[in-house]
Amino acid sequence: MNITAFPNDIFLLIVIPHLSPKDLILNRRVSKQFYAAFTESDLNRHVLQQHYPRARELRDGNERPWSEVLNNVAARYYQLKSGSPESIEKWAVLKSFVAPSWAKHYPVANWQRYLQFEDKTAPFHYPDPLWTYDDGILIFPSAELQSYVLYDLSAGVISEIDFQSESKIVRRIRLKEKVLIVEWCEEQPYHQLNENEVVYRHFASAYDLVRSKQRGPWALSFRYVQVL
């Protein structure tokens, strides 16, 4: 019996509860009829909603076919479950206190920093990294492109971003909910504390991540600057 010949609603009732996403994708290879049936838009969307209800593709606007989206989501969750990467990319991070001017970075060590889980607490001595990541977006100073870049991993799009790093000494960068916070200080000291120490004025600048069209390059939109 060819189940693909059933009416669509009956076909959905049979397939969705009994086939895993992996089985559904593999069944596309059986024949042209199976391929047409198992790439049907409503079927793939229902399978996504049942097995991956928290996938970001269901929340965000989507222009791709649901069959392609299911392929990507199922592969991602398979890699997460197995604890192995689907692919590896290596990018050289550039930082320097002197040159080049755009990459000046001198992190500030936090006082009394701890890791805590349930009733266990341990000191955390590692410095803040000179990159930040949130919801599929990575921002870092690229040694290859000689500028800070934004890498949209889901779209595979790399955009150069500009927050005037040439005139700043970057202390820390943070990205959350499409808002980038850059903590920085001026290049020249503000006050001579004593014979051996000087004081720098510190600031935090906030930028919104925006783009003109879906899956297009990202850009920074200045929001505010605050004196720390």
C-alpha atoms as a PDB file:
ATOM      1  CA  MET A   1       0.000   0.000   0.000  1.00  0.00           C
ATOM      2  CA  ASN A   2       1.318   3.413  -0.959  1.00  0.00           C
ATOM      3  CA  ILE A   3       0.686   5.666   2.047  1.00  0.00           C
ATOM      4  CA  THR A   4       1.540   8.745  -0.020  1.00  0.00           C
ATOM      5  CA  ALA A   5      -1.708   8.233  -1.924  1.00  0.00           C
ATOM      6  CA  PHE A   6      -3.789   8.829   1.210  1.00  0.00           C
ATOM      7  CA  PRO A   7      -5.577  12.166   1.675  1.00  0.00           C
ATOM      8  CA  ASN A   8      -3.270  14.772   3.198  1.00  0.00           C
ATOM      9  CA  ASP A   9      -4.968  14.918   6.626  1.00  0.00           C
ATOM     10  CA  ILE A  10      -4.841  11.106   7.014  1.00  0.00           C
ATOM     11  CA  PHE A  11      -1.249  11.066   5.774  1.00  0.00           C
ATOM     12  CA  LEU A  12      -0.304  13.615   8.435  1.00  0.00           C
ATOM     13  CA  LEU A  13      -2.050  11.601  11.171  1.00  0.00           C
ATOM     14  CA  ILE A  14      -0.077   8.499  10.180  1.00  0.00           C
ATOM     15  CA  VAL A  15       3.320  10.057   9.672  1.00  0.00           C
ATOM     16  CA  ILE A  16       3.696  12.679  12.407  1.00  0.00           C
ATOM     17  CA  PRO A  17       3.180  10.476  15.511  1.00  0.00           C
ATOM     18  CA  HIS A  18       5.165   7.497  14.210  1.00  0.00           C
ATOM     19  CA  LEU A  19       8.165   8.855  12.312  1.00  0.00           C
ATOM     20  CA  SER A  20      11.138  10.623  13.829  1.00  0.00           C
ATOM     21  CA  PRO A  21      12.627  13.587  11.949  1.00  0.00           C
ATOM     22  CA  LYS A  22      15.527  11.341  10.886  1.00  0.00           C
ATOM     23  CA  ASP A  23      13.114   8.717   9.489  1.00  0.00           C
ATOM     24  CA  LEU A  24      11.124  11.369   7.668  1.00  0.00           C
ATOM     25  CA  ILE A  25      14.231  12.794   5.995  1.00  0.00           C
ATOM     26  CA  LEU A  26      15.551   9.341   5.042  1.00  0.00           C
ATOM     27  CA  ASN A  27      12.201   8.335   3.528  1.00  0.00           C
ATOM     28  CA  ARG A  28      12.594  11.062   0.928  1.00  0.00           C
ATOM     29  CA  ARG A  29      15.133   8.810  -0.789  1.00  0.00           C
ATOM     30  CA  VAL A  30      12.689   5.957  -1.439  1.00  0.00           C
ATOM     31  CA  SER A  31      11.108   7.297  -4.609  1.00  0.00           C
ATOM     32  CA  LYS A  32       9.967  10.457  -6.341  1.00  0.00           C
ATOM     33  CA  GLN A  33       6.512  10.019  -4.808  1.00  0.00           C
ATOM     34  CA  PHE A  34       7.981   9.710  -1.324  1.00  0.00           C
ATOM     35  CA  TYR A  35      10.228  12.700  -1.930  1.00  0.00           C
ATOM     36  CA  ALA A  36       7.260  14.856  -2.955  1.00  0.00           C
ATOM     37  CA  ALA A  37       5.200  13.662   0.019  1.00  0.00           C
ATOM     38  CA  PHE A  38       7.896  13.990   2.687  1.00  0.00           C
ATOM     39  CA  THR A  39       9.001  17.449   1.568  1.00  0.00           C
ATOM     40  CA  GLU A  40       5.439  18.781   1.749  1.00  0.00           C
ATOM     41  CA  SER A  41       5.382  22.102   3.615  1.00  0.00           C
ATOM     42  CA  ASP A  42       2.663  21.427   6.220  1.00  0.00           C
ATOM     43  CA  LEU A  43       4.140  18.034   7.117  1.00  0.00           C
ATOM     44  CA  ASN A  44       7.601  19.424   7.798  1.00  0.00           C
ATOM     45  CA  ARG A  45       6.222  22.382   9.757  1.00  0.00           C
ATOM     46  CA  HIS A  46       4.139  20.057  11.964  1.00  0.00           C
ATOM     47  CA  VAL A  47       7.143  17.798  12.583  1.00  0.00           C
ATOM     48  CA  LEU A  48       9.198  20.838  13.599  1.00  0.00           C
ATOM     49  CA  GLN A  49       6.497  21.996  16.012  1.00  0.00           C
ATOM     50  CA  GLN A  50       6.195  18.546  17.572  1.00  0.00           C
ATOM     51  CA  HIS A  51       9.873  17.626  17.964  1.00  0.00           C
ATOM     52  CA  TYR A  52      11.602  21.032  18.171  1.00  0.00           C
ATOM     53  CA  PRO A  53       9.044  23.500  19.574  1.00  0.00           C
ATOM     54  CA  ARG A  54      11.805  25.785  20.925  1.00  0.00           C
ATOM     55  CA  ALA A  55      13.773  26.026  17.672  1.00  0.00           C
ATOM     56  CA  ARG A  56      14.474  29.639  16.768  1.00  0.00           C
ATOM     57  CA  GLU A  57      13.353  28.992  13.178  1.00  0.00           C
ATOM     58  CA  LEU A  58       9.778  28.656  14.436  1.00  0.00           C
ATOM     59  CA  ARG A  59       9.980  31.998  16.234  1.00  0.00           C
ATOM     60  CA  ASP A  60      11.739  34.060  13.583  1.00  0.00           C
ATOM     61  CA  GLY A  61      10.494  34.919  10.131  1.00  0.00           C
ATOM     62  CA  ASN A  62      11.369  32.224   7.636  1.00  0.00           C
ATOM     63  CA  GLU A  63      11.724  32.484   3.860  1.00  0.00           C
ATOM     64  CA  ARG A  64      13.122  28.999   3.178  1.00  0.00           C
ATOM     65  CA  PRO A  65      11.044  25.854   2.489  1.00  0.00           C
ATOM     66  CA  TRP A  66      10.025  24.042   5.688  1.00  0.00           C
ATOM     67  CA  SER A  67      11.673  20.850   4.403  1.00  0.00           C
ATOM     68  CA  GLU A  68      15.028  22.657   4.261  1.00  0.00           C
ATOM     69  CA  VAL A  69      14.467  24.172   7.703  1.00  0.00           C
ATOM     70  CA  LEU A  70      13.732  20.713   9.148  1.00  0.00           C
ATOM     71  CA  ASN A  71      16.977  19.393   7.642  1.00  0.00           C
ATOM     72  CA  ASN A  72      19.017  22.118   9.334  1.00  0.00           C
ATOM     73  CA  VAL A  73      17.240  21.940  12.703  1.00  0.00           C
ATOM     74  CA  ALA A  74      17.340  18.131  12.879  1.00  0.00           C
ATOM     75  CA  ALA A  75      21.065  18.143  12.039  1.00  0.00           C
ATOM     76  CA  ARG A  76      21.768  20.809  14.666  1.00  0.00           C
ATOM     77  CA  TYR A  77      19.920  18.984  17.431  1.00  0.00           C
ATOM     78  CA  TYR A  78      21.565  15.695  16.458  1.00  0.00           C
ATOM     79  CA  GLN A  79      25.003  17.285  16.868  1.00  0.00           C
ATOM     80  CA  LEU A  80      23.974  18.856  20.174  1.00  0.00           C
ATOM     81  CA  LYS A  81      22.688  15.519  21.474  1.00  0.00           C
ATOM     82  CA  SER A  82      25.824  13.653  20.398  1.00  0.00           C
ATOM     83  CA  GLY A  83      28.097  16.401  21.761  1.00  0.00           C
ATOM     84  CA  SER A  84      30.068  16.697  18.531  1.00  0.00           C
ATOM     85  CA  PRO A  85      30.417  19.708  16.204  1.00  0.00           C
ATOM     86  CA  GLU A  86      28.908  19.601  12.741  1.00  0.00           C
ATOM     87  CA  SER A  87      31.747  21.729  11.406  1.00  0.00           C
ATOM     88  CA  ILE A  88      34.705  23.710  12.750  1.00  0.00           C
ATOM     89  CA  GLU A  89      35.833  27.168  11.671  1.00  0.00           C
ATOM     90  CA  LYS A  90      38.947  28.873  13.006  1.00  0.00           C
ATOM     91  CA  TRP A  91      39.340  32.642  13.141  1.00  0.00           C
ATOM     92  CA  ALA A  92      42.427  34.481  14.366  1.00  0.00           C
ATOM     93  CA  VAL A  93      41.594  37.069  17.041  1.00  0.00           C
ATOM     94  CA  LEU A  94      43.785  40.160  17.043  1.00  0.00           C
ATOM     95  CA  LYS A  95      44.475  42.155  20.179  1.00  0.00           C
ATOM     96  CA  SER A  96      47.184  44.598  21.097  1.00  0.00           C
ATOM     97  CA  PHE A  97      47.727  47.385  23.606  1.00  0.00           C
ATOM     98  CA  VAL A  98      49.855  49.381  21.187  1.00  0.00           C
ATOM     99  CA  ALA A  99      49.285  48.544  17.511  1.00  0.00           C
ATOM    100  CA  PRO A 100      47.289  48.306  15.393  1.00  0.00           C
ATOM    101  CA  SER A 101      45.276  51.161  16.795  1.00  0.00           C
ATOM    102  CA  TRP A 102      41.838  49.638  16.191  1.00  0.00           C
ATOM    103  CA  ALA A 103      42.676  46.516  18.234  1.00  0.00           C
ATOM    104  CA  LYS A 104      43.797  48.076  21.527  1.00  0.00           C
ATOM    105  CA  HIS A 105      42.521  45.839  24.300  1.00  0.00           C
ATOM    106  CA  TYR A 106      43.332  45.826  27.991  1.00  0.00           C
ATOM    107  CA  PRO A 107      40.776  43.843  30.022  1.00  0.00           C
ATOM    108  CA  VAL A 108      39.775  44.775  33.530  1.00  0.00           C
ATOM    109  CA  ALA A 109      40.017  41.993  36.086  1.00  0.00           C
ATOM    110  CA  ASN A 110      36.898  41.593  38.212  1.00  0.00           C
ATOM    111  CA  TRP A 111      37.150  41.427  41.994  1.00  0.00           C
ATOM    112  CA  GLN A 112      35.752  38.483  43.940  1.00  0.00           C
ATOM    113  CA  ARG A 113      34.529  36.588  40.910  1.00  0.00           C
ATOM    114  CA  TYR A 114      33.048  33.144  41.581  1.00  0.00           C
ATOM    115  CA  LEU A 115      31.351  30.224  39.935  1.00  0.00           C
ATOM    116  CA  GLN A 116      28.424  28.841  41.887  1.00  0.00           C
ATOM    117  CA  PHE A 117      26.321  25.704  41.396  1.00  0.00           C
ATOM    118  CA  GLU A 118      23.810  24.655  44.059  1.00  0.00           C
ATOM    119  CA  ASP A 119      25.775  24.806  47.340  1.00  0.00           C
ATOM    120  CA  LYS A 120      29.252  24.747  45.781  1.00  0.00           C
ATOM    121  CA  THR A 121      31.329  27.877  45.121  1.00  0.00           C
ATOM    122  CA  ALA A 122      34.761  28.172  43.516  1.00  0.00           C
ATOM    123  CA  PRO A 123      36.954  31.133  42.499  1.00  0.00           C
ATOM    124  CA  PHE A 124      36.930  32.051  38.812  1.00  0.00           C
ATOM    125  CA  HIS A 125      40.242  33.502  37.687  1.00  0.00           C
ATOM    126  CA  TYR A 126      39.915  33.425  33.912  1.00  0.00           C
ATOM    127  CA  PRO A 127      39.923  36.808  32.130  1.00  0.00           C
ATOM    128  CA  ASP A 128      37.028  37.935  29.970  1.00  0.00           C
ATOM    129  CA  PRO A 129      37.438  36.874  26.324  1.00  0.00           C
ATOM    130  CA  LEU A 130      37.702  39.471  23.582  1.00  0.00           C
ATOM    131  CA  TRP A 131      34.661  38.078  21.807  1.00  0.00           C
ATOM    132  CA  THR A 132      30.986  37.770  22.576  1.00  0.00           C
ATOM    133  CA  TYR A 133      28.275  35.402  21.374  1.00  0.00           C
ATOM    134  CA  ASP A 134      24.499  35.274  21.683  1.00  0.00           C
ATOM    135  CA  ASP A 135      21.716  33.573  19.715  1.00  0.00           C
ATOM    136  CA  GLY A 136      23.792  32.637  16.683  1.00  0.00           C
ATOM    137  CA  ILE A 137      25.759  35.907  16.440  1.00  0.00           C
ATOM    138  CA  LEU A 138      29.510  36.120  17.122  1.00  0.00           C
ATOM    139  CA  ILE A 139      31.410  39.424  17.432  1.00  0.00           C
ATOM    140  CA  PHE A 140      35.218  39.517  17.590  1.00  0.00           C
ATOM    141  CA  PRO A 141      38.280  41.434  16.294  1.00  0.00           C
ATOM    142  CA  SER A 142      39.354  39.649  13.121  1.00  0.00           C
ATOM    143  CA  ALA A 143      43.078  39.502  12.431  1.00  0.00           C
ATOM    144  CA  GLU A 144      42.316  38.616   8.810  1.00  0.00           C
ATOM    145  CA  LEU A 145      39.894  41.491   8.122  1.00  0.00           C
ATOM    146  CA  GLN A 146      41.685  43.966  10.435  1.00  0.00           C
ATOM    147  CA  SER A 147      38.464  45.126  12.102  1.00  0.00           C
ATOM    148  CA  TYR A 148      35.747  44.043  14.492  1.00  0.00           C
ATOM    149  CA  VAL A 149      33.319  41.779  12.661  1.00  0.00           C
ATOM    150  CA  LEU A 150      29.884  40.316  13.262  1.00  0.00           C
ATOM    151  CA  TYR A 151      29.444  36.733  12.115  1.00  0.00           C
ATOM    152  CA  ASP A 152      25.841  35.569  11.719  1.00  0.00           C
ATOM    153  CA  LEU A 153      26.374  31.803  11.968  1.00  0.00           C
ATOM    154  CA  SER A 154      22.850  30.814  10.918  1.00  0.00           C
ATOM    155  CA  ALA A 155      22.974  32.913   7.723  1.00  0.00           C
ATOM    156  CA  GLY A 156      26.708  32.514   7.094  1.00  0.00           C
ATOM    157  CA  VAL A 157      27.046  36.300   6.695  1.00  0.00           C
ATOM    158  CA  ILE A 158      30.066  38.281   7.959  1.00  0.00           C
ATOM    159  CA  SER A 159      29.703  42.050   8.441  1.00  0.00           C
ATOM    160  CA  GLU A 160      32.320  44.565   9.516  1.00  0.00           C
ATOM    161  CA  ILE A 161      31.072  46.699  12.394  1.00  0.00           C
ATOM    162  CA  ASP A 162      32.371  50.036  13.567  1.00  0.00           C
ATOM    163  CA  PHE A 163      32.168  51.427  17.090  1.00  0.00           C
ATOM    164  CA  GLN A 164      35.207  53.719  16.647  1.00  0.00           C
ATOM    165  CA  SER A 165      37.603  51.267  18.272  1.00  0.00           C
ATOM    166  CA  GLU A 166      40.585  53.292  16.967  1.00  0.00           C
ATOM    167  CA  SER A 167      39.964  55.961  19.619  1.00  0.00           C
ATOM    168  CA  LYS A 168      39.239  53.549  22.485  1.00  0.00           C
ATOM    169  CA  ILE A 169      40.961  51.040  24.685  1.00  0.00           C
ATOM    170  CA  VAL A 170      38.414  48.238  24.821  1.00  0.00           C
ATOM    171  CA  ARG A 171      37.903  46.701  28.240  1.00  0.00           C
ATOM    172  CA  ARG A 172      35.028  44.300  27.626  1.00  0.00           C
ATOM    173  CA  ILE A 173      32.301  43.567  25.068  1.00  0.00           C
ATOM    174  CA  ARG A 174      28.936  41.936  25.733  1.00  0.00           C
ATOM    175  CA  LEU A 175      26.072  40.919  23.429  1.00  0.00           C
ATOM    176  CA  LYS A 176      22.549  40.087  24.621  1.00  0.00           C
ATOM    177  CA  GLU A 177      19.145  40.301  22.931  1.00  0.00           C
ATOM    178  CA  LYS A 178      20.646  42.087  19.890  1.00  0.00           C
ATOM    179  CA  VAL A 179      22.212  44.801  22.106  1.00  0.00           C
ATOM    180  CA  LEU A 180      26.006  45.210  22.089  1.00  0.00           C
ATOM    181  CA  ILE A 181      27.664  46.810  25.137  1.00  0.00           C
ATOM    182  CA  VAL A 182      31.252  48.032  24.718  1.00  0.00           C
ATOM    183  CA  GLU A 183      33.104  48.955  27.917  1.00  0.00           C
ATOM    184  CA  TRP A 184      36.083  51.165  27.128  1.00  0.00           C
ATOM    185  CA  CYS A 185      38.377  53.907  28.387  1.00  0.00           C
ATOM    186  CA  GLU A 186      40.102  56.873  26.795  1.00  0.00           C
ATOM    187  CA  GLU A 187      43.557  56.504  25.301  1.00  0.00           C
ATOM    188  CA  GLN A 188      45.055  59.219  27.482  1.00  0.00           C
ATOM    189  CA  PRO A 189      44.881  59.210  31.307  1.00  0.00           C
ATOM    190  CA  TYR A 190      42.512  61.660  32.948  1.00  0.00           C
ATOM    191  CA  HIS A 191      44.331  62.139  36.252  1.00  0.00           C
ATOM    192  CA  GLN A 192      47.756  61.486  37.770  1.00  0.00           C
ATOM    193  CA  LEU A 193      47.016  59.537  40.945  1.00  0.00           C
ATOM    194  CA  ASN A 194      50.596  59.430  42.202  1.00  0.00           C
ATOM    195  CA  GLU A 195      54.119  59.106  40.823  1.00  0.00           C
ATOM    196  CA  ASN A 196      53.503  55.615  39.476  1.00  0.00           C
ATOM    197  CA  GLU A 197      49.785  55.436  38.738  1.00  0.00           C
ATOM    198  CA  VAL A 198      47.325  57.270  36.521  1.00  0.00           C
ATOM    199  CA  VAL A 199      43.531  57.218  36.301  1.00  0.00           C
ATOM    200  CA  TYR A 200      41.529  56.641  33.112  1.00  0.00           C
ATOM    201  CA  ARG A 201      37.927  57.644  32.576  1.00  0.00           C
ATOM    202  CA  HIS A 202      35.741  54.648  31.730  1.00  0.00           C
ATOM    203  CA  PHE A 203      32.568  54.495  29.630  1.00  0.00           C
ATOM    204  CA  ALA A 204      30.013  52.006  28.358  1.00  0.00           C
ATOM    205  CA  SER A 205      28.481  52.461  24.905  1.00  0.00           C
ATOM    206  CA  ALA A 206      25.332  50.604  23.833  1.00  0.00           C
ATOM    207  CA  TYR A 207      24.437  49.718  20.246  1.00  0.00           C
ATOM    208  CA  ASP A 208      21.407  47.998  18.724  1.00  0.00           C
ATOM    209  CA  LEU A 209      22.030  45.346  16.085  1.00  0.00           C
ATOM    210  CA  VAL A 210      19.885  46.146  13.042  1.00  0.00           C
ATOM    211  CA  ARG A 211      19.648  45.087   9.423  1.00  0.00           C
ATOM    212  CA  SER A 212      17.708  46.436   6.494  1.00  0.00           C
ATOM    213  CA  LYS A 213      16.335  43.107   5.261  1.00  0.00           C
ATOM    214  CA  GLN A 214      15.943  39.568   6.512  1.00  0.00           C
ATOM    215  CA  ARG A 215      19.143  37.492   6.347  1.00  0.00           C
ATOM    216  CA  GLY A 216      21.022  40.597   5.207  1.00  0.00           C
ATOM    217  CA  PRO A 217      24.193  42.053   6.785  1.00  0.00           C
ATOM    218  CA  TRP A 218      23.960  43.461  10.311  1.00  0.00           C
ATOM    219  CA  ALA A 219      24.920  47.007  11.316  1.00  0.00           C
ATOM    220  CA  LEU A 220      25.251  48.930  14.586  1.00  0.00           C
ATOM    221  CA  SER A 221      22.829  51.665  15.612  1.00  0.00           C
ATOM    222  CA  PHE A 222      24.107  53.834  18.463  1.00  0.00           C
ATOM    223  CA  ARG A 223      21.832  53.899  21.519  1.00  0.00           C
ATOM    224  CA  TYR A 224      23.655  55.715  24.347  1.00  0.00           C
ATOM    225  CA  VAL A 225      26.953  56.139  26.217  1.00  0.00           C
ATOM    226  CA  GLN A 226      27.299  56.073  29.994  1.00  0.00           C
ATOM    227  CA  VAL A 227      30.161  57.160  32.261  1.00  0.00           C
ATOM    228  CA  LEU A 228      31.217  54.377  34.615  1.00  0.00           C
END
